N, C-alpha and C. Protein backbone atom coordinates (compact mmCIF):
# COMPACT_ATOMS: atom_id res chain seq x y z
N UNK A 1 127.31 55.31 215.58
CA UNK A 1 127.48 56.55 216.30
C UNK A 1 127.10 56.33 217.76
N UNK A 2 127.85 56.98 218.64
CA UNK A 2 127.70 56.76 220.07
C UNK A 2 127.10 57.99 220.75
N UNK A 3 126.03 57.77 221.52
CA UNK A 3 125.31 58.85 222.18
C UNK A 3 125.31 58.63 223.69
N UNK A 4 125.54 59.71 224.43
CA UNK A 4 125.43 59.68 225.88
C UNK A 4 124.12 60.36 226.27
N UNK A 5 123.29 59.65 227.03
CA UNK A 5 122.05 60.21 227.57
C UNK A 5 122.26 60.44 229.06
N UNK A 6 122.11 61.69 229.49
CA UNK A 6 122.22 62.03 230.91
C UNK A 6 120.83 62.50 231.35
N UNK A 7 120.10 61.60 232.00
CA UNK A 7 118.69 61.83 232.34
C UNK A 7 118.40 61.13 233.66
N UNK A 8 117.92 61.90 234.66
CA UNK A 8 117.68 61.31 235.98
C UNK A 8 116.30 60.67 236.13
N UNK A 9 115.36 60.98 235.27
CA UNK A 9 114.05 60.32 235.32
C UNK A 9 114.22 58.94 234.68
N UNK A 10 114.08 57.90 235.48
CA UNK A 10 114.38 56.54 235.03
C UNK A 10 113.57 56.16 233.79
N UNK A 11 112.26 56.40 233.80
CA UNK A 11 111.43 56.01 232.65
C UNK A 11 111.82 56.78 231.39
N UNK A 12 112.10 58.06 231.53
CA UNK A 12 112.50 58.86 230.37
C UNK A 12 113.85 58.39 229.85
N UNK A 13 114.78 58.11 230.75
CA UNK A 13 116.10 57.62 230.34
C UNK A 13 116.01 56.29 229.61
N UNK A 14 115.18 55.38 230.12
CA UNK A 14 115.01 54.08 229.46
C UNK A 14 114.33 54.25 228.10
N UNK A 15 113.33 55.13 228.03
CA UNK A 15 112.63 55.40 226.78
C UNK A 15 113.59 55.95 225.72
N UNK A 16 114.42 56.90 226.12
CA UNK A 16 115.40 57.48 225.20
C UNK A 16 116.41 56.43 224.75
N UNK A 17 116.94 55.68 225.70
CA UNK A 17 117.95 54.66 225.38
C UNK A 17 117.38 53.62 224.42
N UNK A 18 116.18 53.14 224.71
CA UNK A 18 115.55 52.13 223.86
C UNK A 18 115.30 52.68 222.45
N UNK A 19 114.71 53.86 222.37
CA UNK A 19 114.40 54.45 221.06
C UNK A 19 115.63 54.74 220.23
N UNK A 20 116.66 55.29 220.85
CA UNK A 20 117.89 55.60 220.12
C UNK A 20 118.62 54.33 219.71
N UNK A 21 118.59 53.30 220.56
CA UNK A 21 119.20 52.02 220.21
C UNK A 21 118.47 51.39 219.02
N UNK A 22 117.14 51.43 219.05
CA UNK A 22 116.36 50.89 217.93
C UNK A 22 116.60 51.67 216.65
N UNK A 23 116.98 52.94 216.77
CA UNK A 23 117.29 53.76 215.60
C UNK A 23 118.71 53.52 215.09
N UNK A 24 119.45 52.63 215.76
CA UNK A 24 120.77 52.26 215.27
C UNK A 24 121.95 52.87 215.99
N UNK A 25 121.72 53.57 217.08
CA UNK A 25 122.80 54.21 217.82
C UNK A 25 123.27 53.33 218.97
N UNK A 26 124.52 53.51 219.35
CA UNK A 26 125.06 52.91 220.57
C UNK A 26 124.82 53.94 221.67
N UNK A 27 124.17 53.53 222.75
CA UNK A 27 123.75 54.48 223.78
C UNK A 27 124.28 54.08 225.15
N UNK A 28 124.85 55.07 225.84
CA UNK A 28 125.19 54.95 227.25
C UNK A 28 124.24 55.87 228.00
N UNK A 29 123.72 55.41 229.13
CA UNK A 29 122.80 56.23 229.93
C UNK A 29 123.29 56.31 231.36
N UNK A 30 123.25 57.49 231.92
CA UNK A 30 123.52 57.68 233.34
C UNK A 30 122.45 58.59 233.91
N UNK A 31 122.21 58.46 235.21
CA UNK A 31 121.12 59.20 235.83
C UNK A 31 121.58 60.33 236.74
N UNK A 32 122.85 60.71 236.67
CA UNK A 32 123.28 61.87 237.46
C UNK A 32 124.36 62.67 236.74
N UNK A 33 124.44 63.93 237.11
CA UNK A 33 125.34 64.84 236.41
C UNK A 33 126.81 64.54 236.56
N UNK A 34 127.22 64.11 237.73
CA UNK A 34 128.64 63.83 237.95
C UNK A 34 129.13 62.69 237.06
N UNK A 35 128.37 61.60 237.01
CA UNK A 35 128.73 60.49 236.12
C UNK A 35 128.67 60.92 234.66
N UNK A 36 127.66 61.72 234.31
CA UNK A 36 127.54 62.20 232.94
C UNK A 36 128.74 63.02 232.52
N UNK A 37 129.17 63.92 233.39
CA UNK A 37 130.35 64.73 233.09
C UNK A 37 131.59 63.86 232.94
N UNK A 38 131.77 62.92 233.87
CA UNK A 38 132.93 62.02 233.81
C UNK A 38 132.94 61.22 232.51
N UNK A 39 131.80 60.66 232.13
CA UNK A 39 131.73 59.88 230.88
C UNK A 39 132.03 60.76 229.67
N UNK A 40 131.46 61.97 229.65
CA UNK A 40 131.68 62.88 228.52
C UNK A 40 133.15 63.28 228.39
N UNK A 41 133.84 63.36 229.50
CA UNK A 41 135.25 63.75 229.48
C UNK A 41 136.18 62.59 229.13
N UNK A 42 135.78 61.36 229.42
CA UNK A 42 136.70 60.24 229.27
C UNK A 42 136.39 59.32 228.10
N UNK A 43 135.22 59.41 227.52
CA UNK A 43 134.87 58.55 226.38
C UNK A 43 134.56 59.43 225.17
N UNK A 44 134.59 58.83 224.00
CA UNK A 44 134.30 59.57 222.77
C UNK A 44 132.84 59.39 222.39
N UNK A 45 132.07 60.45 222.54
CA UNK A 45 130.66 60.44 222.16
C UNK A 45 130.47 61.35 220.96
N UNK A 46 129.57 60.94 220.08
CA UNK A 46 129.25 61.76 218.92
C UNK A 46 128.22 62.82 219.27
N UNK A 47 127.46 62.60 220.37
CA UNK A 47 126.41 63.53 220.77
C UNK A 47 126.02 63.24 222.21
N UNK A 48 125.57 64.28 222.91
CA UNK A 48 125.06 64.12 224.27
C UNK A 48 123.64 64.66 224.33
N UNK A 49 122.72 63.87 224.88
CA UNK A 49 121.37 64.32 225.20
C UNK A 49 121.40 64.55 226.71
N UNK A 50 121.17 65.80 227.13
CA UNK A 50 121.44 66.21 228.50
C UNK A 50 120.26 66.91 229.14
N UNK A 51 119.82 66.39 230.28
CA UNK A 51 118.81 67.06 231.09
C UNK A 51 119.50 68.19 231.85
N UNK A 52 118.74 69.16 232.33
CA UNK A 52 119.33 70.26 233.08
C UNK A 52 119.24 70.02 234.58
N UNK A 53 118.07 69.62 235.05
CA UNK A 53 117.87 69.43 236.49
C UNK A 53 118.30 68.01 236.87
N UNK A 54 119.57 67.90 237.25
CA UNK A 54 120.18 66.60 237.57
C UNK A 54 120.74 66.61 238.98
N UNK A 55 120.83 65.42 239.60
CA UNK A 55 121.53 65.34 240.88
C UNK A 55 123.04 65.56 240.70
N UNK A 56 123.69 66.02 241.71
CA UNK A 56 125.14 66.22 241.79
C UNK A 56 125.61 67.44 241.01
N UNK A 57 125.53 67.41 239.71
CA UNK A 57 125.96 68.53 238.87
C UNK A 57 124.84 68.79 237.87
N UNK A 58 124.40 70.05 237.75
CA UNK A 58 123.29 70.33 236.83
C UNK A 58 123.78 70.43 235.38
N UNK A 59 122.84 70.36 234.46
CA UNK A 59 123.16 70.39 233.04
C UNK A 59 123.81 71.67 232.58
N UNK A 60 123.42 72.81 233.19
CA UNK A 60 124.06 74.08 232.82
C UNK A 60 125.57 73.98 233.05
N UNK A 61 125.94 73.50 234.24
CA UNK A 61 127.36 73.41 234.59
C UNK A 61 128.09 72.39 233.72
N UNK A 62 127.42 71.31 233.36
CA UNK A 62 128.06 70.31 232.50
C UNK A 62 128.38 70.91 231.14
N UNK A 63 127.43 71.63 230.56
CA UNK A 63 127.68 72.29 229.26
C UNK A 63 128.86 73.25 229.40
N UNK A 64 128.82 74.07 230.43
CA UNK A 64 129.88 75.07 230.64
C UNK A 64 131.25 74.40 230.77
N UNK A 65 131.33 73.34 231.57
CA UNK A 65 132.62 72.67 231.80
C UNK A 65 133.11 71.93 230.56
N UNK A 66 132.19 71.31 229.81
CA UNK A 66 132.61 70.61 228.59
C UNK A 66 133.15 71.59 227.56
N UNK A 67 132.48 72.71 227.40
CA UNK A 67 132.94 73.70 226.43
C UNK A 67 134.25 74.34 226.89
N UNK A 68 134.41 74.55 228.19
CA UNK A 68 135.67 75.09 228.71
C UNK A 68 136.82 74.12 228.48
N UNK A 69 136.51 72.82 228.44
CA UNK A 69 137.52 71.79 228.19
C UNK A 69 137.68 71.51 226.69
N UNK A 70 137.10 72.36 225.85
CA UNK A 70 137.17 72.23 224.39
C UNK A 70 136.57 70.94 223.87
N UNK A 71 135.55 70.42 224.55
CA UNK A 71 134.81 69.27 224.05
C UNK A 71 133.76 69.81 223.09
N UNK A 72 133.87 69.43 221.83
CA UNK A 72 133.02 70.02 220.80
C UNK A 72 131.87 69.16 220.33
N UNK A 73 131.62 68.01 220.97
CA UNK A 73 130.51 67.17 220.51
C UNK A 73 129.19 67.93 220.67
N UNK A 74 128.25 67.69 219.75
CA UNK A 74 126.96 68.37 219.86
C UNK A 74 126.25 67.99 221.17
N UNK A 75 125.58 68.97 221.77
CA UNK A 75 124.82 68.75 222.99
C UNK A 75 123.39 69.20 222.75
N UNK A 76 122.45 68.29 222.99
CA UNK A 76 121.03 68.60 222.91
C UNK A 76 120.50 68.63 224.33
N UNK A 77 120.05 69.79 224.79
CA UNK A 77 119.45 69.89 226.11
C UNK A 77 118.00 69.44 226.00
N UNK A 78 117.60 68.52 226.87
CA UNK A 78 116.24 67.98 226.91
C UNK A 78 115.73 68.19 228.33
N UNK A 79 114.77 69.10 228.50
CA UNK A 79 114.42 69.53 229.85
C UNK A 79 112.98 70.01 229.95
N UNK A 80 112.48 70.06 231.17
CA UNK A 80 111.16 70.60 231.43
C UNK A 80 111.19 72.13 231.52
N UNK A 81 112.37 72.71 231.59
CA UNK A 81 112.51 74.17 231.67
C UNK A 81 112.31 74.76 230.28
N UNK A 82 111.15 75.40 230.08
CA UNK A 82 110.80 75.79 228.73
C UNK A 82 110.63 77.26 228.45
N UNK A 83 111.03 78.14 229.36
CA UNK A 83 110.88 79.56 229.07
C UNK A 83 111.91 80.00 228.03
N UNK A 84 111.64 81.12 227.42
CA UNK A 84 112.58 81.68 226.45
C UNK A 84 113.93 81.94 227.12
N UNK A 85 113.90 82.43 228.36
CA UNK A 85 115.14 82.71 229.08
C UNK A 85 115.97 81.44 229.28
N UNK A 86 115.31 80.33 229.61
CA UNK A 86 116.03 79.06 229.78
C UNK A 86 116.64 78.60 228.45
N UNK A 87 115.87 78.70 227.39
CA UNK A 87 116.36 78.27 226.07
C UNK A 87 117.57 79.10 225.65
N UNK A 88 117.45 80.41 225.80
CA UNK A 88 118.55 81.30 225.42
C UNK A 88 119.79 80.99 226.26
N UNK A 89 119.60 80.80 227.56
CA UNK A 89 120.73 80.49 228.44
C UNK A 89 121.44 79.22 227.99
N UNK A 90 120.67 78.16 227.71
CA UNK A 90 121.27 76.90 227.28
C UNK A 90 122.07 77.03 226.00
N UNK A 91 121.51 77.73 225.04
CA UNK A 91 122.20 77.90 223.76
C UNK A 91 123.43 78.79 223.91
N UNK A 92 123.32 79.84 224.72
CA UNK A 92 124.47 80.73 224.91
C UNK A 92 125.59 80.08 225.72
N UNK A 93 125.25 79.11 226.57
CA UNK A 93 126.29 78.39 227.31
C UNK A 93 127.06 77.44 226.42
N UNK A 94 126.47 77.08 225.26
CA UNK A 94 127.19 76.21 224.34
C UNK A 94 126.43 74.99 223.87
N UNK A 95 125.18 74.83 224.30
CA UNK A 95 124.38 73.72 223.78
C UNK A 95 124.07 74.00 222.30
N UNK A 96 123.91 72.94 221.53
CA UNK A 96 123.64 73.07 220.10
C UNK A 96 122.15 73.07 219.78
N UNK A 97 121.34 72.53 220.69
CA UNK A 97 119.90 72.48 220.48
C UNK A 97 119.23 72.37 221.84
N UNK A 98 117.93 72.64 221.86
CA UNK A 98 117.18 72.68 223.12
C UNK A 98 115.78 72.17 222.82
N UNK A 99 115.36 71.13 223.52
CA UNK A 99 114.03 70.55 223.33
C UNK A 99 113.35 70.45 224.69
N UNK A 100 112.09 70.89 224.74
CA UNK A 100 111.34 70.94 225.99
C UNK A 100 110.49 69.69 226.15
N UNK A 101 110.48 69.15 227.38
CA UNK A 101 109.61 68.03 227.74
C UNK A 101 108.22 68.58 228.03
N UNK A 102 107.17 67.87 227.73
CA UNK A 102 107.14 66.58 227.02
C UNK A 102 107.50 66.78 225.55
N UNK A 103 108.00 65.73 224.93
CA UNK A 103 108.49 65.82 223.56
C UNK A 103 107.99 64.61 222.77
N UNK A 104 108.00 64.75 221.46
CA UNK A 104 107.70 63.62 220.58
C UNK A 104 109.03 62.98 220.19
N UNK A 105 109.12 61.66 220.33
CA UNK A 105 110.39 61.00 220.03
C UNK A 105 110.81 61.24 218.58
N UNK A 106 109.85 61.29 217.66
CA UNK A 106 110.19 61.53 216.25
C UNK A 106 110.92 62.86 216.08
N UNK A 107 110.50 63.88 216.82
CA UNK A 107 111.18 65.17 216.73
C UNK A 107 112.57 65.09 217.34
N UNK A 108 112.69 64.44 218.49
CA UNK A 108 114.01 64.28 219.11
C UNK A 108 114.95 63.56 218.16
N UNK A 109 114.48 62.49 217.54
CA UNK A 109 115.31 61.72 216.62
C UNK A 109 115.73 62.56 215.42
N UNK A 110 114.82 63.37 214.90
CA UNK A 110 115.17 64.25 213.78
C UNK A 110 116.23 65.26 214.19
N UNK A 111 116.12 65.80 215.39
CA UNK A 111 117.11 66.76 215.88
C UNK A 111 118.46 66.08 216.10
N UNK A 112 118.45 64.87 216.64
CA UNK A 112 119.70 64.11 216.83
C UNK A 112 120.38 63.89 215.49
N UNK A 113 119.62 63.44 214.51
CA UNK A 113 120.21 63.17 213.18
C UNK A 113 120.75 64.45 212.55
N UNK A 114 120.04 65.55 212.72
CA UNK A 114 120.50 66.83 212.18
C UNK A 114 121.81 67.26 212.83
N UNK A 115 121.88 67.16 214.14
CA UNK A 115 123.11 67.54 214.85
C UNK A 115 124.27 66.65 214.44
N UNK A 116 124.02 65.37 214.26
CA UNK A 116 125.09 64.45 213.86
C UNK A 116 125.55 64.71 212.43
N UNK A 117 124.64 65.14 211.57
CA UNK A 117 125.04 65.50 210.20
C UNK A 117 125.98 66.70 210.21
N UNK A 118 125.70 67.64 211.08
CA UNK A 118 126.53 68.84 211.18
C UNK A 118 127.89 68.53 211.79
N UNK A 119 127.91 67.58 212.71
CA UNK A 119 129.17 67.23 213.38
C UNK A 119 129.53 68.23 214.43
N UNK A 120 130.64 68.01 215.05
CA UNK A 120 131.12 68.88 216.11
C UNK A 120 131.63 70.18 215.52
N UNK A 121 131.27 71.27 216.15
CA UNK A 121 131.70 72.59 215.70
C UNK A 121 132.97 72.97 216.44
N UNK A 122 134.07 72.40 216.00
CA UNK A 122 135.35 72.70 216.63
C UNK A 122 136.20 73.53 215.70
N UNK A 123 137.04 74.32 216.28
CA UNK A 123 137.97 75.12 215.50
C UNK A 123 139.33 74.45 215.61
N UNK A 124 139.94 74.22 214.47
CA UNK A 124 141.25 73.57 214.47
C UNK A 124 142.29 74.55 213.97
N UNK A 125 143.48 74.38 214.45
CA UNK A 125 144.58 75.21 213.99
C UNK A 125 145.18 74.58 212.75
N UNK A 126 145.45 75.40 211.75
CA UNK A 126 146.14 74.93 210.55
C UNK A 126 147.57 75.42 210.66
N UNK A 127 148.51 74.53 210.93
CA UNK A 127 149.88 74.95 211.21
C UNK A 127 150.60 75.62 210.05
N UNK A 128 150.23 75.31 208.81
CA UNK A 128 150.96 75.88 207.67
C UNK A 128 150.67 77.37 207.52
N UNK A 129 149.40 77.73 207.50
CA UNK A 129 149.05 79.13 207.27
C UNK A 129 148.94 79.91 208.57
N UNK A 130 148.75 79.21 209.68
CA UNK A 130 148.58 79.90 210.94
C UNK A 130 147.18 80.44 211.14
N UNK A 131 146.30 80.24 210.18
CA UNK A 131 144.93 80.72 210.31
C UNK A 131 144.05 79.60 210.84
N UNK A 132 143.04 80.00 211.59
CA UNK A 132 142.10 79.03 212.12
C UNK A 132 140.90 78.95 211.18
N UNK A 133 140.37 77.73 211.04
CA UNK A 133 139.19 77.58 210.19
C UNK A 133 138.30 76.48 210.73
N UNK A 134 137.03 76.54 210.31
CA UNK A 134 136.08 75.50 210.68
C UNK A 134 136.48 74.25 209.91
N UNK A 135 136.52 73.07 210.57
CA UNK A 135 137.04 71.86 209.93
C UNK A 135 136.25 71.39 208.71
N UNK A 136 134.95 71.64 208.66
CA UNK A 136 134.17 71.17 207.51
C UNK A 136 134.12 72.18 206.39
N UNK A 137 133.82 73.44 206.73
CA UNK A 137 133.62 74.44 205.68
C UNK A 137 134.92 75.02 205.17
N UNK A 138 135.93 75.08 206.03
CA UNK A 138 137.19 75.69 205.65
C UNK A 138 137.16 77.21 205.74
N UNK A 139 136.00 77.79 206.10
CA UNK A 139 135.89 79.23 206.24
C UNK A 139 136.66 79.69 207.47
N UNK A 140 137.19 80.91 207.42
CA UNK A 140 137.92 81.40 208.59
C UNK A 140 137.03 81.42 209.83
N UNK A 141 137.63 81.10 210.94
CA UNK A 141 136.92 81.14 212.22
C UNK A 141 136.94 82.56 212.75
N UNK A 142 136.07 82.82 213.70
CA UNK A 142 136.07 84.15 214.32
C UNK A 142 137.41 84.39 214.97
N UNK A 143 137.94 85.55 214.71
CA UNK A 143 139.24 85.90 215.26
C UNK A 143 139.31 87.41 215.39
N UNK A 144 140.17 87.86 216.24
CA UNK A 144 140.37 89.30 216.37
C UNK A 144 141.37 89.81 215.33
N UNK A 145 142.09 88.91 214.70
CA UNK A 145 143.09 89.31 213.71
C UNK A 145 142.44 89.61 212.37
N UNK A 146 142.98 90.61 211.69
CA UNK A 146 142.47 90.95 210.37
C UNK A 146 142.98 89.94 209.35
N UNK A 147 142.17 89.67 208.34
CA UNK A 147 142.61 88.79 207.26
C UNK A 147 142.58 89.58 205.96
N UNK A 148 143.49 89.28 205.06
CA UNK A 148 143.49 89.96 203.78
C UNK A 148 142.69 89.15 202.78
N UNK A 149 141.92 89.86 201.96
CA UNK A 149 141.07 89.21 200.97
C UNK A 149 141.44 89.77 199.60
N UNK A 150 141.66 88.89 198.63
CA UNK A 150 141.99 89.33 197.28
C UNK A 150 140.75 89.90 196.60
N UNK A 151 140.92 90.94 195.73
CA UNK A 151 139.75 91.50 195.03
C UNK A 151 139.20 90.54 193.99
């Protein structure tokens, strides 16, 4: 599994890359938002670990732009911004998880594994029925259209 780490603190980025590599993941690391966004758009990552306070483009904007581009890979925000308002904002923008620095690597690794087990939450079109459904569960996706249910 391939993970992108977007972290501008050199020591933290190296620590994350080393730990995730030792845990069996293939890791790419960049230290600025613009490169992180470019990599996320052009390469196939199974998960992104993303700081918020980054040079060039901040993490909030990266999440927003990736979701607007229908990129469904899980995103774990890892940041020093720890208020409830920050956490809610990150999750509502489209991040899948939020972890505040300082953090325990064991917890980060558990969260990464959990997100990867769940996979990307993308909605796919089923051309035969015309209904949209979640790719893993098969349950109908949120839609404004009414669906008929048998008794």
